[in-house]
């Protein structure tokens, strides 16, 4: 079967792919999850894990917030007839949590951020896939290197605060609870390793990552510039995504999915495939 790509402005045809998709939709943290310059990346690890079973599609957009995400969503989600999304990971908030009136112009008010997340996961183009959806709450930040980066860019005040980022992580978890979606709470995962104890912490107390406290060694290891991920952080993200799949949809684990095309050594399956070609 051949599908026309005229809607994409291309004057040629492409054989329809038989692979369903594991679709990653997010900002620069998602975009960089294929980058191998520092080492381990979660998207690359997912591609290896699901090789020959699902196509792992990285649609990460550096600098984007949820308002931007809603604008591009209609142009990046395929129709189910072209490629079916089995699992959709939505990971925004690191940019939305920028402070208002900062020069990066990425801030989205918390209430709108939550509304936008809900609009993304309930969008008709997403609903058409009946996908298994995972929300990822934004991670904590390390204000020390972030402030240095802000100064290098000529800014006279910080673009992000650790306490503000927590409210956006909480917001993502609230949306997941409302819509009964599984969530990867990266904020809590990172912060628990950094020594944060939610049972003893009180609102208003400084958080690890704040310049009100000494720089946290764990966050320094996880976040190379105070915001973006080192390999250790991507390993946490990968493991938590796989844990969500195992807990909620074990039949979607790679070992439980057949290969799209038969193994060369599986002669009965290969013979049946050749006969159907």
Protein backbone atom coordinates (compact mmCIF):
# COMPACT_ATOMS: atom_id res chain seq x y z
CA UNK A 1 0.00 0.00 0.00
CA UNK A 2 1.31 3.43 -0.94
CA UNK A 3 0.50 6.67 0.85
CA UNK A 4 0.79 10.07 -0.81
CA UNK A 5 2.93 12.63 1.02
CA UNK A 6 1.45 15.58 -0.87
CA UNK A 7 0.12 17.03 2.38
CA UNK A 8 3.73 17.32 3.54
CA UNK A 9 4.70 19.21 0.40
CA UNK A 10 6.62 16.23 -1.00
CA UNK A 11 6.16 14.95 -4.53
CA UNK A 12 6.80 11.30 -3.90
CA UNK A 13 5.33 8.27 -2.16
CA UNK A 14 6.42 6.12 0.73
CA UNK A 15 5.53 2.58 1.57
CA UNK A 16 3.32 2.56 4.66
CA UNK A 17 5.32 1.72 7.77
CA UNK A 18 4.22 -1.38 9.67
CA UNK A 19 5.66 -0.10 12.94
CA UNK A 20 3.51 1.42 15.67
CA UNK A 21 5.07 4.24 17.67
CA UNK A 22 6.39 5.05 21.12
CA UNK A 23 6.05 8.83 20.86
CA UNK A 24 8.03 11.32 22.98
CA UNK A 25 6.67 14.88 23.06
CA UNK A 26 8.52 17.51 25.06
CA UNK A 27 11.05 20.33 25.20
CA UNK A 28 14.86 20.40 25.07
CA UNK A 29 15.20 17.68 27.71
CA UNK A 30 13.32 15.36 25.35
CA UNK A 31 15.15 16.66 22.29
CA UNK A 32 18.53 15.98 23.89
CA UNK A 33 17.55 12.49 25.05
CA UNK A 34 18.97 11.13 21.78
CA UNK A 35 22.23 13.04 22.14
CA UNK A 36 25.17 10.68 22.72
CA UNK A 37 27.85 13.31 23.31
CA UNK A 38 27.63 12.97 27.10
CA UNK A 39 26.69 9.29 27.11
CA UNK A 40 23.43 7.59 28.02
CA UNK A 41 20.24 9.13 26.64
CA UNK A 42 16.74 7.91 27.46
CA UNK A 43 15.33 8.13 23.92
CA UNK A 44 18.28 6.23 22.49
CA UNK A 45 17.84 3.62 25.22
CA UNK A 46 14.14 3.27 24.39
CA UNK A 47 15.01 2.90 20.70
CA UNK A 48 17.42 0.09 21.55
CA UNK A 49 14.93 -1.55 23.91
CA UNK A 50 12.06 -1.52 21.40
CA UNK A 51 14.11 -2.14 18.26
CA UNK A 52 12.13 -4.10 15.61
CA UNK A 53 8.99 -3.83 17.75
CA UNK A 54 8.02 -0.14 17.98
CA UNK A 55 9.41 3.01 16.41
CA UNK A 56 10.52 5.41 19.13
CA UNK A 57 9.81 8.91 17.78
CA UNK A 58 11.52 11.90 19.41
CA UNK A 59 9.51 15.08 19.02
CA UNK A 60 11.39 17.24 21.49
CA UNK A 61 11.48 20.99 20.81
CA UNK A 62 14.13 23.05 22.57
CA UNK A 63 12.71 26.13 24.30
CA UNK A 64 9.06 25.17 23.85
CA UNK A 65 6.45 25.55 26.57
CA UNK A 66 2.96 24.03 26.62
CA UNK A 67 1.51 26.95 24.66
CA UNK A 68 4.01 26.25 21.87
CA UNK A 69 3.29 22.53 22.14
CA UNK A 70 -0.40 23.04 21.41
CA UNK A 71 0.50 25.04 18.29
CA UNK A 72 2.71 22.32 16.80
CA UNK A 73 0.71 19.31 17.95
CA UNK A 74 -1.61 19.20 14.89
CA UNK A 75 1.45 19.12 12.60
CA UNK A 76 3.38 16.33 14.31
CA UNK A 77 0.78 13.78 15.38
CA UNK A 78 0.29 11.29 12.54
CA UNK A 79 -3.09 9.91 11.62
CA UNK A 80 -3.68 6.42 13.03
CA UNK A 81 -3.92 5.19 9.43
CA UNK A 82 -0.34 6.27 8.81
CA UNK A 83 1.23 5.29 12.13
CA UNK A 84 -0.49 4.25 15.34
CA UNK A 85 0.86 5.72 18.58
CA UNK A 86 0.88 2.97 21.20
CA UNK A 87 2.53 4.97 24.00
CA UNK A 88 2.69 8.77 24.29
CA UNK A 89 5.05 10.45 26.78
CA UNK A 90 4.28 14.13 27.41
CA UNK A 91 7.07 16.02 29.20
CA UNK A 92 6.72 19.81 29.49
CA UNK A 93 7.11 22.32 32.30
CA UNK A 94 10.78 23.20 32.58
CA UNK A 95 10.22 26.28 30.39
CA UNK A 96 6.69 27.05 31.57
CA UNK A 97 8.16 27.44 35.07
CA UNK A 98 10.44 30.30 34.03
CA UNK A 99 9.70 33.46 35.97
CA UNK A 100 7.31 36.08 34.55
CA UNK A 101 8.75 39.04 32.66
CA UNK A 102 12.06 37.32 32.06
CA UNK A 103 13.86 37.90 28.79
CA UNK A 104 13.43 34.29 27.70
CA UNK A 105 9.64 34.87 27.41
CA UNK A 106 8.94 31.22 28.19
CA UNK A 107 6.77 31.66 31.29
CA UNK A 108 3.28 30.19 31.32
CA UNK A 109 1.07 30.82 34.37
CA UNK A 110 0.59 27.70 36.46
CA UNK A 111 -3.17 27.55 35.86
CA UNK A 112 -2.67 27.77 32.09
CA UNK A 113 0.13 25.20 32.23
CA UNK A 114 -2.25 22.70 33.79
CA UNK A 115 -4.98 23.55 31.28
CA UNK A 116 -2.53 23.15 28.41
CA UNK A 117 -1.35 19.75 29.61
CA UNK A 118 -4.95 18.61 29.75
CA UNK A 119 -5.61 19.97 26.25
CA UNK A 120 -2.57 18.13 24.91
CA UNK A 121 -3.47 14.70 26.27
CA UNK A 122 -7.18 15.05 25.40
CA UNK A 123 -6.65 16.60 21.96
CA UNK A 124 -8.83 14.89 19.31
CA UNK A 125 -5.77 13.98 17.25
CA UNK A 126 -4.28 12.25 20.29
CA UNK A 127 -7.58 10.65 21.29
CA UNK A 128 -7.84 9.09 17.81
CA UNK A 129 -4.91 6.82 18.71
CA UNK A 130 -6.34 5.62 22.02
CA UNK A 131 -2.73 5.78 23.18
CA UNK A 132 -1.35 4.82 26.56
CA UNK A 133 -0.33 8.22 27.94
CA UNK A 134 2.40 8.98 30.47
CA UNK A 135 2.82 12.46 31.94
CA UNK A 136 6.28 13.45 33.17
CA UNK A 137 6.48 16.10 35.89
CA UNK A 138 9.30 18.62 35.36
CA UNK A 139 12.49 17.97 37.34
CA UNK A 140 14.00 20.24 40.01
CA UNK A 141 16.61 22.80 39.10
CA UNK A 142 19.98 23.78 40.52
CA UNK A 143 19.97 27.56 40.88
CA UNK A 144 23.76 27.84 41.18
CA UNK A 145 24.77 26.98 37.58
CA UNK A 146 21.51 28.39 36.23
CA UNK A 147 22.29 31.78 37.71
CA UNK A 148 25.76 31.67 36.17
CA UNK A 149 24.16 30.86 32.81
CA UNK A 150 21.69 33.73 33.23
CA UNK A 151 24.54 36.15 33.91
CA UNK A 152 26.47 34.91 30.88
CA UNK A 153 23.38 35.76 28.81
CA UNK A 154 23.36 39.29 30.18
CA UNK A 155 20.39 38.85 32.51
CA UNK A 156 20.30 40.83 35.73
CA UNK A 157 18.04 38.44 37.66
CA UNK A 158 17.41 34.72 37.87
CA UNK A 159 15.16 33.16 35.24
CA UNK A 160 14.04 30.27 37.45
CA UNK A 161 13.62 29.48 41.15
CA UNK A 162 13.65 26.02 42.70
CA UNK A 163 10.48 26.66 44.70
CA UNK A 164 8.55 27.76 41.61
CA UNK A 165 9.56 24.67 39.67
CA UNK A 166 8.13 22.53 42.48
CA UNK A 167 4.69 24.07 41.96
CA UNK A 168 4.76 23.12 38.26
CA UNK A 169 5.80 19.57 39.10
CA UNK A 170 2.93 19.42 41.56
CA UNK A 171 0.64 20.80 38.85
CA UNK A 172 1.61 18.07 36.40
CA UNK A 173 0.89 15.44 39.05
CA UNK A 174 -2.50 17.04 39.72
CA UNK A 175 -3.41 16.86 36.03
CA UNK A 176 -2.36 13.20 35.94
CA UNK A 177 -4.50 12.44 38.98
CA UNK A 178 -7.49 14.29 37.53
CA UNK A 179 -7.28 12.41 34.23
CA UNK A 180 -6.26 9.13 35.88
CA UNK A 181 -3.02 8.96 33.95
CA UNK A 182 0.24 7.46 35.18
CA UNK A 183 2.89 10.05 35.98
CA UNK A 184 6.67 9.97 36.23
CA UNK A 185 7.35 12.39 39.08
CA UNK A 186 10.92 13.30 38.18
CA UNK A 187 10.89 16.16 40.67
CA UNK A 188 10.38 13.76 43.55
CA UNK A 189 12.73 11.13 42.12
CA UNK A 190 15.61 13.59 41.81
CA UNK A 191 14.88 15.39 45.07
CA UNK A 192 14.65 12.23 47.14
CA UNK A 193 18.16 11.38 45.96
CA UNK A 194 19.18 14.94 46.87
CA UNK A 195 18.01 14.47 50.47
CA UNK A 196 14.55 16.00 50.32
CA UNK A 197 12.10 14.48 52.80
CA UNK A 198 8.47 15.43 52.08
CA UNK A 199 7.42 14.27 55.55
CA UNK A 200 9.62 16.80 57.34
CA UNK A 201 9.70 19.64 54.81
CA UNK A 202 7.37 22.58 55.42
CA UNK A 203 6.15 25.13 52.89
CA UNK A 204 8.49 28.09 52.79
CA UNK A 205 11.59 26.16 53.79
CA UNK A 206 14.44 26.23 51.26
CA UNK A 207 14.69 23.32 48.86
CA UNK A 208 17.77 21.49 47.61
CA UNK A 209 18.79 23.38 44.49
CA UNK A 210 18.07 26.76 46.04
CA UNK A 211 20.90 29.22 46.60
CA UNK A 212 19.56 29.58 50.13
CA UNK A 213 21.37 26.28 50.76
CA UNK A 214 24.85 25.04 49.78
CA UNK A 215 24.96 23.55 46.30
CA UNK A 216 23.60 20.02 46.33
CA UNK A 217 26.06 17.40 45.07
CA UNK A 218 23.33 15.10 43.73
CA UNK A 219 21.65 17.78 41.65
CA UNK A 220 25.07 18.88 40.43
CA UNK A 221 25.64 15.32 39.18
CA UNK A 222 22.22 15.03 37.54
CA UNK A 223 21.95 18.47 35.89
CA UNK A 224 25.00 19.68 33.99
CA UNK A 225 23.82 23.29 33.72
CA UNK A 226 21.24 23.30 36.48
CA UNK A 227 18.40 22.39 34.10
CA UNK A 228 19.46 19.91 31.41
CA UNK A 229 20.28 16.27 32.02
CA UNK A 230 23.49 14.36 32.49
CA UNK A 231 23.41 10.62 31.67
CA UNK A 232 22.59 9.77 35.30
CA UNK A 233 19.38 11.80 35.04
CA UNK A 234 18.40 10.21 31.73
CA UNK A 235 18.90 6.77 33.29
CA UNK A 236 16.39 7.68 35.99
CA UNK A 237 13.92 8.92 33.35
CA UNK A 238 14.34 5.76 31.25
CA UNK A 239 13.94 3.43 34.23
CA UNK A 240 10.85 5.25 35.47
CA UNK A 241 9.18 5.21 32.05
CA UNK A 242 9.81 1.47 31.78
CA UNK A 243 8.50 0.98 35.33
CA UNK A 244 5.27 2.76 34.37
CA UNK A 245 4.88 0.56 31.31
CA UNK A 246 5.56 -2.58 33.36
CA UNK A 247 3.05 -1.59 36.04
CA UNK A 248 0.23 -0.38 33.80
CA UNK A 249 0.65 -2.17 30.46
CA UNK A 250 2.96 -5.17 30.90
CA UNK A 251 1.83 -6.50 27.52
CA UNK A 252 3.59 -3.47 25.98
CA UNK A 253 6.98 -4.39 27.40
CA UNK A 254 9.37 -5.19 24.54
CA UNK A 255 9.82 -8.81 25.59
CA UNK A 256 6.06 -9.26 25.28
CA UNK A 257 5.77 -7.72 21.81
CA UNK A 258 6.42 -9.67 18.64
CA UNK A 259 8.93 -8.40 16.15
CA UNK A 260 7.26 -6.66 13.22
CA UNK A 261 9.19 -8.77 10.73
CA UNK A 262 10.26 -12.30 11.64
CA UNK A 263 13.74 -13.18 12.81
CA UNK A 264 15.92 -14.64 10.06
CA UNK A 265 16.22 -17.86 12.05
CA UNK A 266 12.45 -18.29 12.52
CA UNK A 267 11.87 -20.26 9.33
CA UNK A 268 8.13 -20.99 9.74
CA UNK A 269 7.38 -17.31 10.39
CA UNK A 270 9.69 -16.23 7.57
CA UNK A 271 8.13 -18.67 5.13
CA UNK A 272 4.65 -17.40 6.06
CA UNK A 273 5.85 -13.82 5.57
CA UNK A 274 7.31 -14.60 2.16
CA UNK A 275 4.12 -16.31 1.13
CA UNK A 276 2.07 -13.23 2.05
CA UNK A 277 4.38 -10.75 0.28
